[in-house]
């Protein structure tokens, strides 16, 4: 697995990905750029935001066209399998 993916997954698992919550703390804009929700958090960005869910769904379909089960891949990467 590429190092940048390992780092991104580590950041996600430790809730240290810089989203709107972090930017608000630093004095920046905190809203979701995809749907306009007032606060972009990690749960919002990955599971709640309708637009983000559409992107994740499309990415799973693209991975599936390569003959790979995207849900199995993500599950194994996140330690769910």
PDB file of N, CA and C in Angstrom:
ATOM      1  N   UNK A   1       0.850  -1.171   0.000  1.00  0.00           N
ATOM      2  CA  UNK A   1       0.000   0.000   0.000  1.00  0.00           C
ATOM      3  C   UNK A   1       0.899   1.239   0.000  1.00  0.00           C
ATOM      4  N   UNK A   2       0.583   2.234  -0.819  1.00  0.00           N
ATOM      5  CA  UNK A   2       1.406   3.442  -0.869  1.00  0.00           C
ATOM      6  C   UNK A   2       1.457   4.157   0.485  1.00  0.00           C
ATOM      7  N   UNK A   3       2.587   4.750   0.776  1.00  0.00           N
ATOM      8  CA  UNK A   3       2.782   5.436   2.054  1.00  0.00           C
ATOM      9  C   UNK A   3       1.766   6.553   2.269  1.00  0.00           C
ATOM     10  N   UNK A   4       1.408   7.308   1.203  1.00  0.00           N
ATOM     11  CA  UNK A   4       0.467   8.410   1.390  1.00  0.00           C
ATOM     12  C   UNK A   4      -0.916   7.896   1.793  1.00  0.00           C
ATOM     13  N   UNK A   5      -1.282   6.694   1.330  1.00  0.00           N
ATOM     14  CA  UNK A   5      -2.564   6.106   1.731  1.00  0.00           C
ATOM     15  C   UNK A   5      -2.485   5.659   3.187  1.00  0.00           C
ATOM     16  N   UNK A   6      -1.367   5.052   3.563  1.00  0.00           N
ATOM     17  CA  UNK A   6      -1.183   4.646   4.965  1.00  0.00           C
ATOM     18  C   UNK A   6      -1.269   5.854   5.895  1.00  0.00           C
ATOM     19  N   UNK A   7      -0.626   6.953   5.502  1.00  0.00           N
ATOM     20  CA  UNK A   7      -0.655   8.167   6.319  1.00  0.00           C
ATOM     21  C   UNK A   7      -2.079   8.703   6.420  1.00  0.00           C
ATOM     22  N   UNK A   8      -2.783   8.762   5.289  1.00  0.00           N
ATOM     23  CA  UNK A   8      -4.149   9.282   5.284  1.00  0.00           C
ATOM     24  C   UNK A   8      -5.054   8.433   6.181  1.00  0.00           C
ATOM     25  N   UNK A   9      -4.922   7.112   6.115  1.00  0.00           N
ATOM     26  CA  UNK A   9      -5.730   6.224   6.958  1.00  0.00           C
ATOM     27  C   UNK A   9      -5.368   6.395   8.434  1.00  0.00           C
ATOM     28  N   UNK A  10      -4.081   6.597   8.714  1.00  0.00           N
ATOM     29  CA  UNK A  10      -3.660   6.824  10.103  1.00  0.00           C
ATOM     30  C   UNK A  10      -4.271   8.122  10.613  1.00  0.00           C
ATOM     31  N   UNK A  11      -4.210   9.180   9.802  1.00  0.00           N
ATOM     32  CA  UNK A  11      -4.799  10.466  10.196  1.00  0.00           C
ATOM     33  C   UNK A  11      -6.304  10.323  10.431  1.00  0.00           C
ATOM     34  N   UNK A  12      -6.984   9.601   9.557  1.00  0.00           N
ATOM     35  CA  UNK A  12      -8.416   9.383   9.701  1.00  0.00           C
ATOM     36  C   UNK A  12      -8.720   8.626  10.988  1.00  0.00           C
ATOM     37  N   UNK A  13      -7.975   7.571  11.252  1.00  0.00           N
ATOM     38  CA  UNK A  13      -8.232   6.758  12.442  1.00  0.00           C
ATOM     39  C   UNK A  13      -7.933   7.507  13.743  1.00  0.00           C
ATOM     40  N   UNK A  14      -7.088   8.518  13.676  1.00  0.00           N
ATOM     41  CA  UNK A  14      -6.764   9.318  14.863  1.00  0.00           C
ATOM     42  C   UNK A  14      -7.495  10.660  14.867  1.00  0.00           C
ATOM     43  N   UNK A  15      -8.491  10.793  13.999  1.00  0.00           N
ATOM     44  CA  UNK A  15      -9.310  12.008  13.843  1.00  0.00           C
ATOM     45  C   UNK A  15      -8.467  13.282  13.785  1.00  0.00           C
ATOM     46  N   UNK A  16      -7.414  13.240  12.973  1.00  0.00           N
ATOM     47  CA  UNK A  16      -6.546  14.406  12.843  1.00  0.00           C
ATOM     48  C   UNK A  16      -6.511  14.954  11.420  1.00  0.00           C
ATOM     49  N   UNK A  17      -7.460  14.539  10.588  1.00  0.00           N
ATOM     50  CA  UNK A  17      -7.554  15.117   9.247  1.00  0.00           C
ATOM     51  C   UNK A  17      -8.091  16.538   9.405  1.00  0.00           C
ATOM     52  N   UNK A  18      -7.481  17.474   8.741  1.00  0.00           N
ATOM     53  CA  UNK A  18      -7.869  18.872   8.879  1.00  0.00           C
ATOM     54  C   UNK A  18      -9.107  19.178   8.054  1.00  0.00           C
ATOM     55  N   UNK A  19     -10.238  19.218   8.732  1.00  0.00           N
ATOM     56  CA  UNK A  19     -11.506  19.574   8.104  1.00  0.00           C
ATOM     57  C   UNK A  19     -11.951  20.913   8.696  1.00  0.00           C
ATOM     58  N   UNK A  20     -13.170  21.323   8.385  1.00  0.00           N
ATOM     59  CA  UNK A  20     -13.673  22.612   8.824  1.00  0.00           C
ATOM     60  C   UNK A  20     -13.583  22.856  10.317  1.00  0.00           C
ATOM     61  N   UNK A  21     -13.796  21.819  11.139  1.00  0.00           N
ATOM     62  CA  UNK A  21     -13.686  21.969  12.589  1.00  0.00           C
ATOM     63  C   UNK A  21     -12.317  22.525  12.964  1.00  0.00           C
ATOM     64  N   UNK A  22     -11.281  21.953  12.370  1.00  0.00           N
ATOM     65  CA  UNK A  22      -9.910  22.384  12.651  1.00  0.00           C
ATOM     66  C   UNK A  22      -9.697  23.804  12.149  1.00  0.00           C
ATOM     67  N   UNK A  23     -10.229  24.094  10.948  1.00  0.00           N
ATOM     68  CA  UNK A  23     -10.076  25.434  10.391  1.00  0.00           C
ATOM     69  C   UNK A  23     -10.787  26.483  11.241  1.00  0.00           C
ATOM     70  N   UNK A  24     -11.959  26.136  11.784  1.00  0.00           N
ATOM     71  CA  UNK A  24     -12.667  27.068  12.665  1.00  0.00           C
ATOM     72  C   UNK A  24     -11.815  27.377  13.887  1.00  0.00           C
ATOM     73  N   UNK A  25     -11.201  26.355  14.457  1.00  0.00           N
ATOM     74  CA  UNK A  25     -10.324  26.530  15.615  1.00  0.00           C
ATOM     75  C   UNK A  25      -9.187  27.496  15.286  1.00  0.00           C
ATOM     76  N   UNK A  26      -8.703  27.456  14.033  1.00  0.00           N
ATOM     77  CA  UNK A  26      -7.611  28.318  13.591  1.00  0.00           C
ATOM     78  C   UNK A  26      -8.101  29.658  13.036  1.00  0.00           C
ATOM     79  N   UNK A  27      -9.414  29.915  13.099  1.00  0.00           N
ATOM     80  CA  UNK A  27      -9.955  31.189  12.648  1.00  0.00           C
ATOM     81  C   UNK A  27     -10.395  31.221  11.192  1.00  0.00           C
ATOM     82  N   UNK A  28     -10.535  30.054  10.553  1.00  0.00           N
ATOM     83  CA  UNK A  28     -10.922  29.997   9.144  1.00  0.00           C
ATOM     84  C   UNK A  28     -12.372  29.604   8.945  1.00  0.00           C
ATOM     85  N   UNK A  29     -12.726  29.373   7.690  1.00  0.00           N
ATOM     86  CA  UNK A  29     -14.069  28.927   7.325  1.00  0.00           C
ATOM     87  C   UNK A  29     -14.259  27.473   7.745  1.00  0.00           C
ATOM     88  N   UNK A  30     -15.420  27.167   8.318  1.00  0.00           N
ATOM     89  CA  UNK A  30     -15.641  25.823   8.839  1.00  0.00           C
ATOM     90  C   UNK A  30     -16.720  25.048   8.103  1.00  0.00           C
ATOM     91  N   UNK A  31     -17.348  25.636   7.105  1.00  0.00           N
ATOM     92  CA  UNK A  31     -18.453  24.982   6.424  1.00  0.00           C
ATOM     93  C   UNK A  31     -18.007  23.928   5.425  1.00  0.00           C
ATOM     94  N   UNK A  32     -18.918  23.009   5.143  1.00  0.00           N
ATOM     95  CA  UNK A  32     -18.668  21.960   4.153  1.00  0.00           C
ATOM     96  C   UNK A  32     -18.702  22.577   2.760  1.00  0.00           C
ATOM     97  N   UNK A  33     -17.652  22.359   1.996  1.00  0.00           N
ATOM     98  CA  UNK A  33     -17.559  22.915   0.642  1.00  0.00           C
ATOM     99  C   UNK A  33     -18.463  22.171  -0.346  1.00  0.00           C
ATOM    100  N   UNK A  34     -18.869  20.963  -0.016  1.00  0.00           N
ATOM    101  CA  UNK A  34     -19.695  20.170  -0.922  1.00  0.00           C
ATOM    102  C   UNK A  34     -21.178  20.476  -0.789  1.00  0.00           C
ATOM    103  N   UNK A  35     -21.683  20.560   0.447  1.00  0.00           N
ATOM    104  CA  UNK A  35     -23.128  20.717   0.631  1.00  0.00           C
ATOM    105  C   UNK A  35     -23.519  22.019   1.314  1.00  0.00           C
ATOM    106  N   UNK A  36     -22.558  22.758   1.838  1.00  0.00           N
ATOM    107  CA  UNK A  36     -22.856  24.020   2.494  1.00  0.00           C
ATOM    108  C   UNK A  36     -23.269  23.908   3.947  1.00  0.00           C
ATOM    109  N   UNK A  37     -23.191  22.713   4.525  1.00  0.00           N
ATOM    110  CA  UNK A  37     -23.512  22.534   5.944  1.00  0.00           C
ATOM    111  C   UNK A  37     -22.627  23.462   6.761  1.00  0.00           C
ATOM    112  N   UNK A  38     -23.142  23.949   7.880  1.00  0.00           N
ATOM    113  CA  UNK A  38     -22.429  24.966   8.646  1.00  0.00           C
ATOM    114  C   UNK A  38     -21.136  24.484   9.290  1.00  0.00           C
ATOM    115  N   UNK A  39     -21.007  23.199   9.597  1.00  0.00           N
ATOM    116  CA  UNK A  39     -19.770  22.701  10.201  1.00  0.00           C
ATOM    117  C   UNK A  39     -19.336  21.406   9.539  1.00  0.00           C
ATOM    118  N   UNK A  40     -18.152  21.426   8.982  1.00  0.00           N
ATOM    119  CA  UNK A  40     -17.582  20.229   8.370  1.00  0.00           C
ATOM    120  C   UNK A  40     -16.746  19.512   9.431  1.00  0.00           C
ATOM    121  N   UNK A  41     -17.175  18.311   9.809  1.00  0.00           N
ATOM    122  CA  UNK A  41     -16.442  17.477  10.759  1.00  0.00           C
ATOM    123  C   UNK A  41     -16.026  16.202  10.026  1.00  0.00           C
ATOM    124  N   UNK A  42     -15.217  15.387  10.663  1.00  0.00           N
ATOM    125  CA  UNK A  42     -14.818  14.128  10.034  1.00  0.00           C
ATOM    126  C   UNK A  42     -16.040  13.237   9.788  1.00  0.00           C
ATOM    127  N   UNK A  43     -16.927  13.038  10.791  1.00  0.00           N
ATOM    128  CA  UNK A  43     -18.120  12.226  10.497  1.00  0.00           C
ATOM    129  C   UNK A  43     -18.962  12.821   9.365  1.00  0.00           C
ATOM    130  N   UNK A  44     -19.107  14.144   9.364  1.00  0.00           N
ATOM    131  CA  UNK A  44     -19.881  14.774   8.292  1.00  0.00           C
ATOM    132  C   UNK A  44     -19.223  14.515   6.942  1.00  0.00           C
ATOM    133  N   UNK A  45     -17.925  14.700   6.866  1.00  0.00           N
ATOM    134  CA  UNK A  45     -17.207  14.577   5.594  1.00  0.00           C
ATOM    135  C   UNK A  45     -17.227  13.174   5.019  1.00  0.00           C
ATOM    136  N   UNK A  46     -17.254  12.167   5.871  1.00  0.00           N
ATOM    137  CA  UNK A  46     -17.140  10.795   5.385  1.00  0.00           C
ATOM    138  C   UNK A  46     -18.437  10.002   5.413  1.00  0.00           C
ATOM    139  N   UNK A  47     -19.389  10.369   6.286  1.00  0.00           N
ATOM    140  CA  UNK A  47     -20.578   9.532   6.417  1.00  0.00           C
ATOM    141  C   UNK A  47     -21.904  10.279   6.343  1.00  0.00           C
ATOM    142  N   UNK A  48     -21.946  11.558   6.683  1.00  0.00           N
ATOM    143  CA  UNK A  48     -23.211  12.271   6.768  1.00  0.00           C
ATOM    144  C   UNK A  48     -23.514  13.081   5.509  1.00  0.00           C
ATOM    145  N   UNK A  49     -22.527  13.756   4.971  1.00  0.00           N
ATOM    146  CA  UNK A  49     -22.718  14.638   3.822  1.00  0.00           C
ATOM    147  C   UNK A  49     -23.231  13.850   2.609  1.00  0.00           C
ATOM    148  N   UNK A  50     -24.379  14.276   2.083  1.00  0.00           N
ATOM    149  CA  UNK A  50     -24.982  13.599   0.935  1.00  0.00           C
ATOM    150  C   UNK A  50     -24.041  13.634  -0.269  1.00  0.00           C
ATOM    151  N   UNK A  51     -23.427  14.774  -0.521  1.00  0.00           N
ATOM    152  CA  UNK A  51     -22.516  14.902  -1.663  1.00  0.00           C
ATOM    153  C   UNK A  51     -21.286  14.010  -1.501  1.00  0.00           C
ATOM    154  N   UNK A  52     -20.739  13.952  -0.289  1.00  0.00           N
ATOM    155  CA  UNK A  52     -19.585  13.078  -0.046  1.00  0.00           C
ATOM    156  C   UNK A  52     -19.976  11.615  -0.244  1.00  0.00           C
ATOM    157  N   UNK A  53     -21.172  11.241   0.204  1.00  0.00           N
ATOM    158  CA  UNK A  53     -21.650   9.866   0.002  1.00  0.00           C
ATOM    159  C   UNK A  53     -21.778   9.544  -1.476  1.00  0.00           C
ATOM    160  N   UNK A  54     -22.215  10.522  -2.278  1.00  0.00           N
ATOM    161  CA  UNK A  54     -22.289  10.304  -3.724  1.00  0.00           C
ATOM    162  C   UNK A  54     -20.900  10.047  -4.302  1.00  0.00           C
ATOM    163  N   UNK A  55     -19.924  10.816  -3.844  1.00  0.00           N
ATOM    164  CA  UNK A  55     -18.543  10.634  -4.321  1.00  0.00           C
ATOM    165  C   UNK A  55     -18.015   9.260  -3.908  1.00  0.00           C
ATOM    166  N   UNK A  56     -18.233   8.871  -2.639  1.00  0.00           N
ATOM    167  CA  UNK A  56     -17.767   7.556  -2.185  1.00  0.00           C
ATOM    168  C   UNK A  56     -18.450   6.446  -2.984  1.00  0.00           C
ATOM    169  N   UNK A  57     -19.750   6.607  -3.226  1.00  0.00           N
ATOM    170  CA  UNK A  57     -20.478   5.595  -4.001  1.00  0.00           C
ATOM    171  C   UNK A  57     -19.938   5.458  -5.417  1.00  0.00           C
ATOM    172  N   UNK A  58     -19.658   6.595  -6.059  1.00  0.00           N
ATOM    173  CA  UNK A  58     -19.093   6.548  -7.416  1.00  0.00           C
ATOM    174  C   UNK A  58     -17.707   5.926  -7.410  1.00  0.00           C
ATOM    175  N   UNK A  59     -16.908   6.232  -6.368  1.00  0.00           N
ATOM    176  CA  UNK A  59     -15.557   5.661  -6.323  1.00  0.00           C
ATOM    177  C   UNK A  59     -15.616   4.144  -6.167  1.00  0.00           C
ATOM    178  N   UNK A  60     -16.580   3.641  -5.390  1.00  0.00           N
ATOM    179  CA  UNK A  60     -16.729   2.187  -5.246  1.00  0.00           C
ATOM    180  C   UNK A  60     -17.121   1.547  -6.571  1.00  0.00           C
ATOM    181  N   UNK A  61     -17.970   2.237  -7.356  1.00  0.00           N
ATOM    182  CA  UNK A  61     -18.362   1.713  -8.667  1.00  0.00           C
ATOM    183  C   UNK A  61     -17.163   1.683  -9.620  1.00  0.00           C
ATOM    184  N   UNK A  62     -16.334   2.718  -9.567  1.00  0.00           N
ATOM    185  CA  UNK A  62     -15.138   2.755 -10.419  1.00  0.00           C
ATOM    186  C   UNK A  62     -14.185   1.626 -10.048  1.00  0.00           C
ATOM    187  N   UNK A  63     -13.983   1.424  -8.751  1.00  0.00           N
ATOM    188  CA  UNK A  63     -13.115   0.338  -8.304  1.00  0.00           C
ATOM    189  C   UNK A  63     -13.687  -0.997  -8.756  1.00  0.00           C
ATOM    190  N   UNK A  64     -15.014  -1.151  -8.697  1.00  0.00           N
ATOM    191  CA  UNK A  64     -15.658  -2.406  -9.094  1.00  0.00           C
ATOM    192  C   UNK A  64     -15.447  -2.697 -10.574  1.00  0.00           C
ATOM    193  N   UNK A  65     -15.378  -1.653 -11.411  1.00  0.00           N
ATOM    194  CA  UNK A  65     -15.149  -1.883 -12.835  1.00  0.00           C
ATOM    195  C   UNK A  65     -13.764  -2.449 -13.102  1.00  0.00           C
ATOM    196  N   UNK A  66     -12.884  -2.330 -12.116  1.00  0.00           N
ATOM    197  CA  UNK A  66     -11.537  -2.888 -12.246  1.00  0.00           C
ATOM    198  C   UNK A  66     -11.500  -4.338 -11.760  1.00  0.00           C
ATOM    199  N   UNK A  67     -12.664  -4.873 -11.397  1.00  0.00           N
ATOM    200  CA  UNK A  67     -12.733  -6.260 -10.939  1.00  0.00           C
ATOM    201  C   UNK A  67     -12.387  -6.427  -9.469  1.00  0.00           C
ATOM    202  N   UNK A  68     -12.475  -5.341  -8.708  1.00  0.00           N
ATOM    203  CA  UNK A  68     -12.148  -5.385  -7.282  1.00  0.00           C
ATOM    204  C   UNK A  68     -13.396  -4.997  -6.500  1.00  0.00           C
ATOM    205  N   UNK A  69     -13.661  -5.697  -5.408  1.00  0.00           N
ATOM    206  CA  UNK A  69     -14.780  -5.344  -4.541  1.00  0.00           C
ATOM    207  C   UNK A  69     -14.326  -4.216  -3.632  1.00  0.00           C
ATOM    208  N   UNK A  70     -14.791  -2.990  -3.912  1.00  0.00           N
ATOM    209  CA  UNK A  70     -14.372  -1.814  -3.162  1.00  0.00           C
ATOM    210  C   UNK A  70     -14.681  -1.883  -1.691  1.00  0.00           C
ATOM    211  N   UNK A  71     -15.825  -2.465  -1.333  1.00  0.00           N
ATOM    212  CA  UNK A  71     -16.188  -2.564   0.082  1.00  0.00           C
ATOM    213  C   UNK A  71     -15.218  -3.475   0.836  1.00  0.00           C
ATOM    214  N   UNK A  72     -14.790  -4.544   0.190  1.00  0.00           N
ATOM    215  CA  UNK A  72     -13.818  -5.443   0.813  1.00  0.00           C
ATOM    216  C   UNK A  72     -12.486  -4.729   0.979  1.00  0.00           C
ATOM    217  N   UNK A  73     -12.074  -3.982  -0.060  1.00  0.00           N
ATOM    218  CA  UNK A  73     -10.803  -3.249   0.010  1.00  0.00           C
ATOM    219  C   UNK A  73     -10.853  -2.232   1.139  1.00  0.00           C
ATOM    220  N   UNK A  74     -11.904  -1.381   1.187  1.00  0.00           N
ATOM    221  CA  UNK A  74     -11.991  -0.378   2.255  1.00  0.00           C
ATOM    222  C   UNK A  74     -12.099  -1.044   3.614  1.00  0.00           C
ATOM    223  N   UNK A  75     -12.869  -2.120   3.706  1.00  0.00           N
ATOM    224  CA  UNK A  75     -12.987  -2.811   4.985  1.00  0.00           C
ATOM    225  C   UNK A  75     -11.661  -3.335   5.483  1.00  0.00           C
ATOM    226  N   UNK A  76     -10.862  -3.904   4.588  1.00  0.00           N
ATOM    227  CA  UNK A  76      -9.564  -4.427   5.004  1.00  0.00           C
ATOM    228  C   UNK A  76      -8.602  -3.288   5.361  1.00  0.00           C
ATOM    229  N   UNK A  77      -8.669  -2.183   4.626  1.00  0.00           N
ATOM    230  CA  UNK A  77      -7.806  -1.038   4.935  1.00  0.00           C
ATOM    231  C   UNK A  77      -8.129  -0.438   6.289  1.00  0.00           C
ATOM    232  N   UNK A  78      -9.412  -0.448   6.635  1.00  0.00           N
ATOM    233  CA  UNK A  78      -9.836   0.130   7.907  1.00  0.00           C
ATOM    234  C   UNK A  78      -9.884  -0.889   9.032  1.00  0.00           C
ATOM    235  N   UNK A  79      -9.458  -2.112   8.763  1.00  0.00           N
ATOM    236  CA  UNK A  79      -9.409  -3.143   9.796  1.00  0.00           C
ATOM    237  C   UNK A  79     -10.763  -3.734  10.126  1.00  0.00           C
ATOM    238  N   UNK A  80     -11.725  -3.659   9.202  1.00  0.00           N
ATOM    239  CA  UNK A  80     -13.063  -4.183   9.458  1.00  0.00           C
ATOM    240  C   UNK A  80     -13.229  -5.607   8.967  1.00  0.00           C
ATOM    241  N   UNK A  81     -12.298  -6.091   8.188  1.00  0.00           N
ATOM    242  CA  UNK A  81     -12.402  -7.439   7.624  1.00  0.00           C
ATOM    243  C   UNK A  81     -11.443  -8.361   8.340  1.00  0.00           C
TER     244      UNK A  81
END
